[in-house]
Amino acid sequence: NVMVGMVVTCTIYAFYGLFHKGEI
C-alpha cells in the first residue's frame, strides 16, 4: 500500500508539473 501510494503521488504531481512548467 505504501509503495503504490508513492507511485501514485509521483505520477499525479508529475503530470501537474510537466504540463504546467515542463519540469518537476
mmCIF file of all heavy atoms, coordinates in Angstrom:
data_MODEL
# 
_entry.id   MODEL 
# 
loop_
_atom_site.group_PDB 
_atom_site.id 
_atom_site.type_symbol 
_atom_site.label_atom_id 
_atom_site.label_alt_id 
_atom_site.label_comp_id 
_atom_site.label_asym_id 
_atom_site.label_entity_id 
_atom_site.label_seq_id 
_atom_site.pdbx_PDB_ins_code 
_atom_site.Cartn_x 
_atom_site.Cartn_y 
_atom_site.Cartn_z 
_atom_site.occupancy 
_atom_site.B_iso_or_equiv 
_atom_site.pdbx_formal_charge 
_atom_site.auth_seq_id 
_atom_site.auth_comp_id 
_atom_site.auth_asym_id 
_atom_site.auth_atom_id 
_atom_site.pdbx_PDB_model_num 
ATOM 1   N N   . ASN A 1 1  ? 0.832  -1.206 0.000   1.00 0.00 ? 1  ASN A N   1 
ATOM 2   C CA  . ASN A 1 1  ? 0.000  0.000  0.000   1.00 0.00 ? 1  ASN A CA  1 
ATOM 3   C C   . ASN A 1 1  ? 0.867  1.257  0.000   1.00 0.00 ? 1  ASN A C   1 
ATOM 4   O O   . ASN A 1 1  ? 0.576  2.233  -0.704  1.00 0.00 ? 1  ASN A O   1 
ATOM 5   C CB  . ASN A 1 1  ? -0.915 0.003  1.228   1.00 0.00 ? 1  ASN A CB  1 
ATOM 6   C CG  . ASN A 1 1  ? -2.316 -0.476 0.913   1.00 0.00 ? 1  ASN A CG  1 
ATOM 7   O OD1 . ASN A 1 1  ? -2.801 -0.290 -0.203  1.00 0.00 ? 1  ASN A OD1 1 
ATOM 8   N ND2 . ASN A 1 1  ? -2.961 -1.077 1.883   1.00 0.00 ? 1  ASN A ND2 1 
ATOM 9   N N   . VAL A 1 2  ? 1.922  1.251  0.807   1.00 0.00 ? 2  VAL A N   1 
ATOM 10  C CA  . VAL A 1 2  ? 2.816  2.411  0.863   1.00 0.00 ? 2  VAL A CA  1 
ATOM 11  C C   . VAL A 1 2  ? 3.511  2.611  -0.483  1.00 0.00 ? 2  VAL A C   1 
ATOM 12  O O   . VAL A 1 2  ? 3.614  3.741  -0.986  1.00 0.00 ? 2  VAL A O   1 
ATOM 13  C CB  . VAL A 1 2  ? 3.846  2.233  1.996   1.00 0.00 ? 2  VAL A CB  1 
ATOM 14  C CG1 . VAL A 1 2  ? 4.859  3.370  1.977   1.00 0.00 ? 2  VAL A CG1 1 
ATOM 15  C CG2 . VAL A 1 2  ? 3.143  2.178  3.341   1.00 0.00 ? 2  VAL A CG2 1 
ATOM 16  N N   . MET A 1 3  ? 3.980  1.539  -1.090  1.00 0.00 ? 3  MET A N   1 
ATOM 17  C CA  . MET A 1 3  ? 4.684  1.656  -2.373  1.00 0.00 ? 3  MET A CA  1 
ATOM 18  C C   . MET A 1 3  ? 3.750  2.116  -3.489  1.00 0.00 ? 3  MET A C   1 
ATOM 19  O O   . MET A 1 3  ? 4.115  2.963  -4.311  1.00 0.00 ? 3  MET A O   1 
ATOM 20  C CB  . MET A 1 3  ? 5.325  0.308  -2.730  1.00 0.00 ? 3  MET A CB  1 
ATOM 21  C CG  . MET A 1 3  ? 6.436  -0.090 -1.786  1.00 0.00 ? 3  MET A CG  1 
ATOM 22  S SD  . MET A 1 3  ? 7.056  -1.745 -2.097  1.00 0.00 ? 3  MET A SD  1 
ATOM 23  C CE  . MET A 1 3  ? 8.185  -1.945 -0.719  1.00 0.00 ? 3  MET A CE  1 
ATOM 24  N N   . VAL A 1 4  ? 2.548  1.583  -3.514  1.00 0.00 ? 4  VAL A N   1 
ATOM 25  C CA  . VAL A 1 4  ? 1.573  2.039  -4.509  1.00 0.00 ? 4  VAL A CA  1 
ATOM 26  C C   . VAL A 1 4  ? 1.262  3.513  -4.294  1.00 0.00 ? 4  VAL A C   1 
ATOM 27  O O   . VAL A 1 4  ? 1.155  4.297  -5.256  1.00 0.00 ? 4  VAL A O   1 
ATOM 28  C CB  . VAL A 1 4  ? 0.286  1.187  -4.426  1.00 0.00 ? 4  VAL A CB  1 
ATOM 29  C CG1 . VAL A 1 4  ? -0.817 1.793  -5.286  1.00 0.00 ? 4  VAL A CG1 1 
ATOM 30  C CG2 . VAL A 1 4  ? 0.562  -0.239 -4.881  1.00 0.00 ? 4  VAL A CG2 1 
ATOM 31  N N   . GLY A 1 5  ? 1.114  3.927  -3.041  1.00 0.00 ? 5  GLY A N   1 
ATOM 32  C CA  . GLY A 1 5  ? 0.851  5.338  -2.753  1.00 0.00 ? 5  GLY A CA  1 
ATOM 33  C C   . GLY A 1 5  ? 1.957  6.247  -3.247  1.00 0.00 ? 5  GLY A C   1 
ATOM 34  O O   . GLY A 1 5  ? 1.693  7.339  -3.772  1.00 0.00 ? 5  GLY A O   1 
ATOM 35  N N   . MET A 1 6  ? 3.206  5.822  -3.118  1.00 0.00 ? 6  MET A N   1 
ATOM 36  C CA  . MET A 1 6  ? 4.327  6.626  -3.599  1.00 0.00 ? 6  MET A CA  1 
ATOM 37  C C   . MET A 1 6  ? 4.297  6.758  -5.124  1.00 0.00 ? 6  MET A C   1 
ATOM 38  O O   . MET A 1 6  ? 4.552  7.835  -5.669  1.00 0.00 ? 6  MET A O   1 
ATOM 39  C CB  . MET A 1 6  ? 5.643  6.002  -3.150  1.00 0.00 ? 6  MET A CB  1 
ATOM 40  C CG  . MET A 1 6  ? 5.899  6.038  -1.655  1.00 0.00 ? 6  MET A CG  1 
ATOM 41  S SD  . MET A 1 6  ? 6.045  7.733  -1.008  1.00 0.00 ? 6  MET A SD  1 
ATOM 42  C CE  . MET A 1 6  ? 4.391  7.982  -0.326  1.00 0.00 ? 6  MET A CE  1 
ATOM 43  N N   . VAL A 1 7  ? 4.002  5.669  -5.813  1.00 0.00 ? 7  VAL A N   1 
ATOM 44  C CA  . VAL A 1 7  ? 3.927  5.715  -7.276  1.00 0.00 ? 7  VAL A CA  1 
ATOM 45  C C   . VAL A 1 7  ? 2.810  6.648  -7.734  1.00 0.00 ? 7  VAL A C   1 
ATOM 46  O O   . VAL A 1 7  ? 2.980  7.473  -8.638  1.00 0.00 ? 7  VAL A O   1 
ATOM 47  C CB  . VAL A 1 7  ? 3.726  4.300  -7.850  1.00 0.00 ? 7  VAL A CB  1 
ATOM 48  C CG1 . VAL A 1 7  ? 3.477  4.360  -9.359  1.00 0.00 ? 7  VAL A CG1 1 
ATOM 49  C CG2 . VAL A 1 7  ? 4.943  3.423  -7.569  1.00 0.00 ? 7  VAL A CG2 1 
ATOM 50  N N   . VAL A 1 8  ? 1.646  6.543  -7.086  1.00 0.00 ? 8  VAL A N   1 
ATOM 51  C CA  . VAL A 1 8  ? 0.511  7.395  -7.463  1.00 0.00 ? 8  VAL A CA  1 
ATOM 52  C C   . VAL A 1 8  ? 0.815  8.859  -7.163  1.00 0.00 ? 8  VAL A C   1 
ATOM 53  O O   . VAL A 1 8  ? 0.515  9.755  -7.971  1.00 0.00 ? 8  VAL A O   1 
ATOM 54  C CB  . VAL A 1 8  ? -0.760 6.931  -6.716  1.00 0.00 ? 8  VAL A CB  1 
ATOM 55  C CG1 . VAL A 1 8  ? -1.914 7.891  -6.977  1.00 0.00 ? 8  VAL A CG1 1 
ATOM 56  C CG2 . VAL A 1 8  ? -1.143 5.525  -7.157  1.00 0.00 ? 8  VAL A CG2 1 
ATOM 57  N N   . THR A 1 9  ? 1.414  9.133  -6.023  1.00 0.00 ? 9  THR A N   1 
ATOM 58  C CA  . THR A 1 9  ? 1.769  10.514 -5.668  1.00 0.00 ? 9  THR A CA  1 
ATOM 59  C C   . THR A 1 9  ? 2.706  11.127 -6.695  1.00 0.00 ? 9  THR A C   1 
ATOM 60  O O   . THR A 1 9  ? 2.488  12.251 -7.175  1.00 0.00 ? 9  THR A O   1 
ATOM 61  C CB  . THR A 1 9  ? 2.442  10.543 -4.285  1.00 0.00 ? 9  THR A CB  1 
ATOM 62  O OG1 . THR A 1 9  ? 1.536  10.024 -3.306  1.00 0.00 ? 9  THR A OG1 1 
ATOM 63  C CG2 . THR A 1 9  ? 2.832  11.963 -3.913  1.00 0.00 ? 9  THR A CG2 1 
ATOM 64  N N   . CYS A 1 10 ? 3.756  10.408 -7.045  1.00 0.00 ? 10 CYS A N   1 
ATOM 65  C CA  . CYS A 1 10 ? 4.717  10.910 -8.031  1.00 0.00 ? 10 CYS A CA  1 
ATOM 66  C C   . CYS A 1 10 ? 4.065  11.128 -9.382  1.00 0.00 ? 10 CYS A C   1 
ATOM 67  O O   . CYS A 1 10 ? 4.355  12.114 -10.075 1.00 0.00 ? 10 CYS A O   1 
ATOM 68  C CB  . CYS A 1 10 ? 5.890  9.935  -8.164  1.00 0.00 ? 10 CYS A CB  1 
ATOM 69  S SG  . CYS A 1 10 ? 6.937  9.827  -6.698  1.00 0.00 ? 10 CYS A SG  1 
ATOM 70  N N   . THR A 1 11 ? 3.185  10.218 -9.779  1.00 0.00 ? 11 THR A N   1 
ATOM 71  C CA  . THR A 1 11 ? 2.533  10.338 -11.087 1.00 0.00 ? 11 THR A CA  1 
ATOM 72  C C   . THR A 1 11 ? 1.641  11.566 -11.150 1.00 0.00 ? 11 THR A C   1 
ATOM 73  O O   . THR A 1 11 ? 1.684  12.335 -12.110 1.00 0.00 ? 11 THR A O   1 
ATOM 74  C CB  . THR A 1 11 ? 1.712  9.074  -11.377 1.00 0.00 ? 11 THR A CB  1 
ATOM 75  O OG1 . THR A 1 11 ? 2.564  7.929  -11.329 1.00 0.00 ? 11 THR A OG1 1 
ATOM 76  C CG2 . THR A 1 11 ? 1.064  9.161  -12.751 1.00 0.00 ? 11 THR A CG2 1 
ATOM 77  N N   . ILE A 1 12 ? 0.828  11.768 -10.118 1.00 0.00 ? 12 ILE A N   1 
ATOM 78  C CA  . ILE A 1 12 ? -0.105 12.905 -10.123 1.00 0.00 ? 12 ILE A CA  1 
ATOM 79  C C   . ILE A 1 12 ? 0.654  14.226 -10.130 1.00 0.00 ? 12 ILE A C   1 
ATOM 80  O O   . ILE A 1 12 ? 0.354  15.135 -10.928 1.00 0.00 ? 12 ILE A O   1 
ATOM 81  C CB  . ILE A 1 12 ? -1.049 12.812 -8.910  1.00 0.00 ? 12 ILE A CB  1 
ATOM 82  C CG1 . ILE A 1 12 ? -2.029 11.653 -9.101  1.00 0.00 ? 12 ILE A CG1 1 
ATOM 83  C CG2 . ILE A 1 12 ? -1.805 14.125 -8.712  1.00 0.00 ? 12 ILE A CG2 1 
ATOM 84  C CD1 . ILE A 1 12 ? -2.969 11.456 -7.946  1.00 0.00 ? 12 ILE A CD1 1 
ATOM 85  N N   . TYR A 1 13 ? 1.661  14.356 -9.278  1.00 0.00 ? 13 TYR A N   1 
ATOM 86  C CA  . TYR A 1 13 ? 2.389  15.620 -9.253  1.00 0.00 ? 13 TYR A CA  1 
ATOM 87  C C   . TYR A 1 13 ? 3.225  15.806 -10.511 1.00 0.00 ? 13 TYR A C   1 
ATOM 88  O O   . TYR A 1 13 ? 3.401  16.936 -10.976 1.00 0.00 ? 13 TYR A O   1 
ATOM 89  C CB  . TYR A 1 13 ? 3.284  15.705 -8.022  1.00 0.00 ? 13 TYR A CB  1 
ATOM 90  C CG  . TYR A 1 13 ? 4.001  17.033 -7.954  1.00 0.00 ? 13 TYR A CG  1 
ATOM 91  C CD1 . TYR A 1 13 ? 3.305  18.189 -7.606  1.00 0.00 ? 13 TYR A CD1 1 
ATOM 92  C CD2 . TYR A 1 13 ? 5.350  17.150 -8.286  1.00 0.00 ? 13 TYR A CD2 1 
ATOM 93  C CE1 . TYR A 1 13 ? 3.938  19.420 -7.577  1.00 0.00 ? 13 TYR A CE1 1 
ATOM 94  C CE2 . TYR A 1 13 ? 5.983  18.375 -8.254  1.00 0.00 ? 13 TYR A CE2 1 
ATOM 95  C CZ  . TYR A 1 13 ? 5.279  19.503 -7.901  1.00 0.00 ? 13 TYR A CZ  1 
ATOM 96  O OH  . TYR A 1 13 ? 5.899  20.721 -7.892  1.00 0.00 ? 13 TYR A OH  1 
ATOM 97  N N   . ALA A 1 14 ? 3.730  14.718 -11.090 1.00 0.00 ? 14 ALA A N   1 
ATOM 98  C CA  . ALA A 1 14 ? 4.499  14.826 -12.329 1.00 0.00 ? 14 ALA A CA  1 
ATOM 99  C C   . ALA A 1 14 ? 3.633  15.369 -13.456 1.00 0.00 ? 14 ALA A C   1 
ATOM 100 O O   . ALA A 1 14 ? 4.070  16.219 -14.244 1.00 0.00 ? 14 ALA A O   1 
ATOM 101 C CB  . ALA A 1 14 ? 5.081  13.472 -12.711 1.00 0.00 ? 14 ALA A CB  1 
ATOM 102 N N   . PHE A 1 15 ? 2.397  14.899 -13.553 1.00 0.00 ? 15 PHE A N   1 
ATOM 103 C CA  . PHE A 1 15 ? 1.501  15.417 -14.580 1.00 0.00 ? 15 PHE A CA  1 
ATOM 104 C C   . PHE A 1 15 ? 1.283  16.916 -14.411 1.00 0.00 ? 15 PHE A C   1 
ATOM 105 O O   . PHE A 1 15 ? 1.311  17.679 -15.386 1.00 0.00 ? 15 PHE A O   1 
ATOM 106 C CB  . PHE A 1 15 ? 0.153  14.686 -14.531 1.00 0.00 ? 15 PHE A CB  1 
ATOM 107 C CG  . PHE A 1 15 ? 0.212  13.285 -15.074 1.00 0.00 ? 15 PHE A CG  1 
ATOM 108 C CD1 . PHE A 1 15 ? -0.828 12.400 -14.854 1.00 0.00 ? 15 PHE A CD1 1 
ATOM 109 C CD2 . PHE A 1 15 ? 1.296  12.848 -15.808 1.00 0.00 ? 15 PHE A CD2 1 
ATOM 110 C CE1 . PHE A 1 15 ? -0.783 11.113 -15.359 1.00 0.00 ? 15 PHE A CE1 1 
ATOM 111 C CE2 . PHE A 1 15 ? 1.357  11.566 -16.313 1.00 0.00 ? 15 PHE A CE2 1 
ATOM 112 C CZ  . PHE A 1 15 ? 0.305  10.694 -16.083 1.00 0.00 ? 15 PHE A CZ  1 
ATOM 113 N N   . TYR A 1 16 ? 1.055  17.341 -13.174 1.00 0.00 ? 16 TYR A N   1 
ATOM 114 C CA  . TYR A 1 16 ? 0.844  18.771 -12.922 1.00 0.00 ? 16 TYR A CA  1 
ATOM 115 C C   . TYR A 1 16 ? 2.089  19.577 -13.287 1.00 0.00 ? 16 TYR A C   1 
ATOM 116 O O   . TYR A 1 16 ? 2.024  20.564 -14.015 1.00 0.00 ? 16 TYR A O   1 
ATOM 117 C CB  . TYR A 1 16 ? 0.483  18.994 -11.451 1.00 0.00 ? 16 TYR A CB  1 
ATOM 118 C CG  . TYR A 1 16 ? 0.592  20.438 -11.036 1.00 0.00 ? 16 TYR A CG  1 
ATOM 119 C CD1 . TYR A 1 16 ? -0.417 21.340 -11.334 1.00 0.00 ? 16 TYR A CD1 1 
ATOM 120 C CD2 . TYR A 1 16 ? 1.723  20.917 -10.351 1.00 0.00 ? 16 TYR A CD2 1 
ATOM 121 C CE1 . TYR A 1 16 ? -0.312 22.677 -10.963 1.00 0.00 ? 16 TYR A CE1 1 
ATOM 122 C CE2 . TYR A 1 16 ? 1.827  22.227 -9.973  1.00 0.00 ? 16 TYR A CE2 1 
ATOM 123 C CZ  . TYR A 1 16 ? 0.807  23.115 -10.285 1.00 0.00 ? 16 TYR A CZ  1 
ATOM 124 O OH  . TYR A 1 16 ? 0.919  24.425 -9.935  1.00 0.00 ? 16 TYR A OH  1 
ATOM 125 N N   . GLY A 1 17 ? 3.249  19.148 -12.780 1.00 0.00 ? 17 GLY A N   1 
ATOM 126 C CA  . GLY A 1 17 ? 4.466  19.918 -13.013 1.00 0.00 ? 17 GLY A CA  1 
ATOM 127 C C   . GLY A 1 17 ? 4.860  19.963 -14.480 1.00 0.00 ? 17 GLY A C   1 
ATOM 128 O O   . GLY A 1 17 ? 5.264  21.021 -14.985 1.00 0.00 ? 17 GLY A O   1 
ATOM 129 N N   . LEU A 1 18 ? 4.750  18.836 -15.172 1.00 0.00 ? 18 LEU A N   1 
ATOM 130 C CA  . LEU A 1 18 ? 5.189  18.790 -16.577 1.00 0.00 ? 18 LEU A CA  1 
ATOM 131 C C   . LEU A 1 18 ? 4.257  19.564 -17.493 1.00 0.00 ? 18 LEU A C   1 
ATOM 132 O O   . LEU A 1 18 ? 4.697  20.253 -18.411 1.00 0.00 ? 18 LEU A O   1 
ATOM 133 C CB  . LEU A 1 18 ? 5.313  17.331 -17.029 1.00 0.00 ? 18 LEU A CB  1 
ATOM 134 C CG  . LEU A 1 18 ? 6.443  16.546 -16.375 1.00 0.00 ? 18 LEU A CG  1 
ATOM 135 C CD1 . LEU A 1 18 ? 6.313  15.059 -16.669 1.00 0.00 ? 18 LEU A CD1 1 
ATOM 136 C CD2 . LEU A 1 18 ? 7.789  17.051 -16.878 1.00 0.00 ? 18 LEU A CD2 1 
ATOM 137 N N   . PHE A 1 19 ? 2.962  19.449 -17.272 1.00 0.00 ? 19 PHE A N   1 
ATOM 138 C CA  . PHE A 1 19 ? 2.018  20.193 -18.114 1.00 0.00 ? 19 PHE A CA  1 
ATOM 139 C C   . PHE A 1 19 ? 2.020  21.691 -17.789 1.00 0.00 ? 19 PHE A C   1 
ATOM 140 O O   . PHE A 1 19 ? 1.757  22.519 -18.660 1.00 0.00 ? 19 PHE A O   1 
ATOM 141 C CB  . PHE A 1 19 ? 0.601  19.626 -17.963 1.00 0.00 ? 19 PHE A CB  1 
ATOM 142 C CG  . PHE A 1 19 ? 0.353  18.408 -18.793 1.00 0.00 ? 19 PHE A CG  1 
ATOM 143 C CD1 . PHE A 1 19 ? 0.424  17.146 -18.227 1.00 0.00 ? 19 PHE A CD1 1 
ATOM 144 C CD2 . PHE A 1 19 ? 0.049  18.496 -20.142 1.00 0.00 ? 19 PHE A CD2 1 
ATOM 145 C CE1 . PHE A 1 19 ? 0.201  16.010 -18.981 1.00 0.00 ? 19 PHE A CE1 1 
ATOM 146 C CE2 . PHE A 1 19 ? -0.180 17.374 -20.899 1.00 0.00 ? 19 PHE A CE2 1 
ATOM 147 C CZ  . PHE A 1 19 ? -0.107 16.121 -20.319 1.00 0.00 ? 19 PHE A CZ  1 
ATOM 148 N N   . HIS A 1 20 ? 2.314  22.022 -16.532 1.00 0.00 ? 20 HIS A N   1 
ATOM 149 C CA  . HIS A 1 20 ? 2.280  23.428 -16.115 1.00 0.00 ? 20 HIS A CA  1 
ATOM 150 C C   . HIS A 1 20 ? 3.601  24.147 -16.406 1.00 0.00 ? 20 HIS A C   1 
ATOM 151 O O   . HIS A 1 20 ? 3.604  25.277 -16.915 1.00 0.00 ? 20 HIS A O   1 
ATOM 152 C CB  . HIS A 1 20 ? 1.962  23.498 -14.617 1.00 0.00 ? 20 HIS A CB  1 
ATOM 153 C CG  . HIS A 1 20 ? 1.919  24.886 -14.081 1.00 0.00 ? 20 HIS A CG  1 
ATOM 154 N ND1 . HIS A 1 20 ? 1.079  25.857 -14.589 1.00 0.00 ? 20 HIS A ND1 1 
ATOM 155 C CD2 . HIS A 1 20 ? 2.602  25.478 -13.068 1.00 0.00 ? 20 HIS A CD2 1 
ATOM 156 C CE1 . HIS A 1 20 ? 1.251  26.989 -13.934 1.00 0.00 ? 20 HIS A CE1 1 
ATOM 157 N NE2 . HIS A 1 20 ? 2.169  26.783 -12.993 1.00 0.00 ? 20 HIS A NE2 1 
ATOM 158 N N   . LYS A 1 21 ? 4.710  23.489 -16.098 1.00 0.00 ? 21 LYS A N   1 
ATOM 159 C CA  . LYS A 1 21 ? 6.011  24.141 -16.210 1.00 0.00 ? 21 LYS A CA  1 
ATOM 160 C C   . LYS A 1 21 ? 6.981  23.425 -17.128 1.00 0.00 ? 21 LYS A C   1 
ATOM 161 O O   . LYS A 1 21 ? 8.034  23.972 -17.481 1.00 0.00 ? 21 LYS A O   1 
ATOM 162 C CB  . LYS A 1 21 ? 6.655  24.252 -14.835 1.00 0.00 ? 21 LYS A CB  1 
ATOM 163 C CG  . LYS A 1 21 ? 5.995  25.240 -13.900 1.00 0.00 ? 21 LYS A CG  1 
ATOM 164 C CD  . LYS A 1 21 ? 6.327  26.658 -14.289 1.00 0.00 ? 21 LYS A CD  1 
ATOM 165 C CE  . LYS A 1 21 ? 5.840  27.634 -13.250 1.00 0.00 ? 21 LYS A CE  1 
ATOM 166 N NZ  . LYS A 1 21 ? 6.204  29.015 -13.617 1.00 0.00 ? 21 LYS A NZ  1 
ATOM 167 N N   . GLY A 1 22 ? 6.682  22.195 -17.474 1.00 0.00 ? 22 GLY A N   1 
ATOM 168 C CA  . GLY A 1 22 ? 7.644  21.435 -18.262 1.00 0.00 ? 22 GLY A CA  1 
ATOM 169 C C   . GLY A 1 22 ? 8.777  20.883 -17.442 1.00 0.00 ? 22 GLY A C   1 
ATOM 170 O O   . GLY A 1 22 ? 9.811  20.480 -17.982 1.00 0.00 ? 22 GLY A O   1 
ATOM 171 N N   . GLU A 1 23 ? 8.625  20.863 -16.127 1.00 0.00 ? 23 GLU A N   1 
ATOM 172 C CA  . GLU A 1 23 ? 9.647  20.338 -15.236 1.00 0.00 ? 23 GLU A CA  1 
ATOM 173 C C   . GLU A 1 23 ? 8.993  19.854 -13.955 1.00 0.00 ? 23 GLU A C   1 
ATOM 174 O O   . GLU A 1 23 ? 7.829  20.149 -13.678 1.00 0.00 ? 23 GLU A O   1 
ATOM 175 C CB  . GLU A 1 23 ? 10.713 21.385 -14.924 1.00 0.00 ? 23 GLU A CB  1 
ATOM 176 C CG  . GLU A 1 23 ? 10.153 22.630 -14.245 1.00 0.00 ? 23 GLU A CG  1 
ATOM 177 C CD  . GLU A 1 23 ? 11.218 23.684 -14.015 1.00 0.00 ? 23 GLU A CD  1 
ATOM 178 O OE1 . GLU A 1 23 ? 12.355 23.447 -14.441 1.00 0.00 ? 23 GLU A OE1 1 
ATOM 179 O OE2 . GLU A 1 23 ? 10.908 24.709 -13.409 1.00 0.00 ? 23 GLU A OE2 1 
ATOM 180 N N   . ILE A 1 24 ? 9.751  19.112 -13.174 1.00 0.00 ? 24 ILE A N   1 
ATOM 181 C CA  . ILE A 1 24 ? 9.221  18.558 -11.929 1.00 0.00 ? 24 ILE A CA  1 
ATOM 182 C C   . ILE A 1 24 ? 9.943  19.241 -10.762 1.00 0.00 ? 24 ILE A C   1 
ATOM 183 O O   . ILE A 1 24 ? 11.155 19.359 -10.776 1.00 0.00 ? 24 ILE A O   1 
ATOM 184 C CB  . ILE A 1 24 ? 9.442  17.035 -11.870 1.00 0.00 ? 24 ILE A CB  1 
ATOM 185 C CG1 . ILE A 1 24 ? 8.691  16.372 -13.015 1.00 0.00 ? 24 ILE A CG1 1 
ATOM 186 C CG2 . ILE A 1 24 ? 8.959  16.481 -10.543 1.00 0.00 ? 24 ILE A CG2 1 
ATOM 187 C CD1 . ILE A 1 24 ? 8.998  14.905 -13.158 1.00 0.00 ? 24 ILE A CD1 1 
# 
